[in-house]
Amino acid sequence: MTEQRPQLAAQIERATKRLTQLKAREFLRNQQAKTKAKGEVRRADAHRKIELGGLVIAAGLKDWDCAELVGALLDAADRASHSPTVRLGLRKRGLNYLDARKAARQRTHYPGEMGRSD
């Protein structure tokens, strides 16, 4: 039995070391997953900001300063908050404008040229 004790102690030590390694590996994977998720959120946020900037340009407002843009958006938000139909009307107008803009851009491309979709 005395020979088994050192052998059991060695097995316990190896198992403990292996458990520590597995826990460290799991921790590292969790950290990597969190980092990846944060990166995806940041990329989505950056994409949305670029998209919004493109819409400002598409609406012909690229020369407006920031205060004017915010003022116009606040005005639209105020009007839309008083009536649900106002927001629907704004949406319809925006969709019609974007569709017409897309169609005009597609007409200006040469035959065989790949058009960029909005």
Protein backbone atom coordinates (compact mmCIF):
# COMPACT_ATOMS: atom_id res chain seq x y z
CA MET A 1 0.00 0.00 0.00
CA THR A 2 2.91 2.34 0.65
CA GLU A 3 3.91 2.00 -3.03
CA GLN A 4 0.43 3.09 -4.10
CA ARG A 5 0.50 6.37 -2.18
CA PRO A 6 3.29 7.99 -4.25
CA GLN A 7 1.61 6.66 -7.40
CA LEU A 8 -1.78 8.08 -6.33
CA ALA A 9 -0.17 11.36 -5.35
CA ALA A 10 1.46 11.57 -8.79
CA GLN A 11 -1.86 10.79 -10.50
CA ILE A 12 -3.61 13.44 -8.43
CA GLU A 13 -0.89 15.94 -9.27
CA ARG A 14 -1.15 15.18 -13.03
CA ALA A 15 -4.95 15.39 -12.89
CA THR A 16 -4.78 18.68 -10.99
CA LYS A 17 -2.29 20.09 -13.50
CA ARG A 18 -4.48 18.92 -16.41
CA LEU A 19 -7.56 20.47 -14.80
CA THR A 20 -5.70 23.76 -14.38
CA GLN A 21 -4.67 23.67 -18.04
CA LEU A 22 -8.24 22.93 -19.16
CA LYS A 23 -9.60 25.77 -17.03
CA ALA A 24 -6.99 28.14 -18.47
CA ARG A 25 -7.88 27.03 -22.01
CA GLU A 26 -11.59 27.55 -21.31
CA PHE A 27 -10.90 30.99 -19.86
CA LEU A 28 -8.85 31.93 -22.92
CA ARG A 29 -11.61 30.75 -25.29
CA ASN A 30 -14.19 32.76 -23.35
CA GLN A 31 -12.00 35.86 -23.53
CA GLN A 32 -11.49 35.36 -27.26
CA ALA A 33 -15.24 34.97 -27.79
CA LYS A 34 -15.91 38.19 -25.84
CA THR A 35 -13.27 40.04 -27.86
CA LYS A 36 -14.74 38.75 -31.10
CA ALA A 37 -18.26 39.79 -30.05
CA LYS A 38 -17.04 43.27 -29.13
CA GLY A 39 -15.33 43.57 -32.51
CA GLU A 40 -18.51 42.54 -34.31
CA VAL A 41 -20.53 45.13 -32.39
CA ARG A 42 -17.95 47.82 -33.20
CA ARG A 43 -17.93 46.87 -36.89
CA ALA A 44 -21.74 46.95 -37.03
CA ASP A 45 -21.74 50.35 -35.33
CA ALA A 46 -19.14 51.71 -37.76
CA HIS A 47 -21.12 50.32 -40.71
CA ARG A 48 -24.30 51.99 -39.44
CA LYS A 49 -22.52 55.34 -39.06
CA ILE A 50 -21.14 55.11 -42.60
CA GLU A 51 -24.60 54.17 -43.85
CA LEU A 52 -26.14 57.20 -42.10
CA GLY A 53 -23.48 59.49 -43.56
CA GLY A 54 -24.26 58.11 -47.01
CA LEU A 55 -27.93 58.87 -46.49
CA VAL A 56 -27.12 62.46 -45.58
CA ILE A 57 -25.21 62.75 -48.86
CA ALA A 58 -27.98 60.98 -50.79
CA ALA A 59 -30.50 63.47 -49.44
CA GLY A 60 -28.35 66.31 -50.79
CA LEU A 61 -27.43 67.60 -47.35
CA LYS A 62 -23.67 67.11 -47.42
CA ASP A 63 -23.06 70.86 -47.26
CA TRP A 64 -25.22 71.39 -44.18
CA ASP A 65 -23.34 71.82 -40.95
CA CYS A 66 -23.86 69.47 -38.03
CA ALA A 67 -26.20 71.82 -36.15
CA GLU A 68 -28.46 72.18 -39.20
CA LEU A 69 -28.59 68.41 -39.70
CA VAL A 70 -29.40 67.75 -36.07
CA GLY A 71 -32.00 70.52 -36.11
CA ALA A 72 -33.71 69.02 -39.15
CA LEU A 73 -33.66 65.55 -37.60
CA LEU A 74 -35.04 66.86 -34.32
CA ASP A 75 -37.79 68.70 -36.22
CA ALA A 76 -38.70 65.50 -38.08
CA ALA A 77 -38.64 63.53 -34.83
CA ASP A 78 -40.93 66.07 -33.14
CA ARG A 79 -43.39 65.99 -36.02
CA ALA A 80 -43.33 62.18 -36.20
CA SER A 81 -43.89 61.79 -32.45
CA HIS A 82 -47.21 63.66 -32.62
CA SER A 83 -48.74 61.49 -35.32
CA PRO A 84 -48.01 57.88 -36.27
CA THR A 85 -48.99 58.62 -39.86
CA VAL A 86 -46.28 61.27 -40.18
CA ARG A 87 -43.55 58.67 -39.65
CA LEU A 88 -45.19 56.38 -42.18
CA GLY A 89 -45.34 59.28 -44.62
CA LEU A 90 -41.67 60.07 -44.06
CA ARG A 91 -40.80 56.42 -44.61
CA LYS A 92 -42.79 56.25 -47.84
CA ARG A 93 -41.19 59.45 -49.13
CA GLY A 94 -37.73 58.14 -48.24
CA LEU A 95 -38.31 54.76 -49.89
CA ASN A 96 -39.64 56.44 -53.05
CA TYR A 97 -36.61 58.73 -53.15
CA LEU A 98 -34.12 55.91 -52.62
CA ASP A 99 -35.86 53.70 -55.22
CA ALA A 100 -35.83 56.53 -57.78
CA ARG A 101 -32.18 57.26 -57.00
CA LYS A 102 -31.27 53.61 -57.42
CA ALA A 103 -33.14 53.38 -60.72
CA ALA A 104 -31.43 56.54 -62.00
CA ARG A 105 -28.02 55.18 -61.05
CA GLN A 106 -28.73 51.88 -62.79
CA ARG A 107 -29.76 53.71 -65.98
CA THR A 108 -26.46 55.59 -66.07
CA HIS A 109 -24.31 52.44 -66.07
CA TYR A 110 -22.99 51.20 -69.39
CA PRO A 111 -24.25 47.87 -70.74
CA GLY A 112 -22.37 45.02 -69.15
CA GLU A 113 -21.06 47.15 -66.30
CA MET A 114 -21.92 45.93 -62.86
CA GLY A 115 -24.01 48.48 -61.01
CA ARG A 116 -23.58 49.04 -57.32
CA SER A 117 -26.74 48.42 -55.36
CA ASP A 118 -27.62 50.73 -52.49
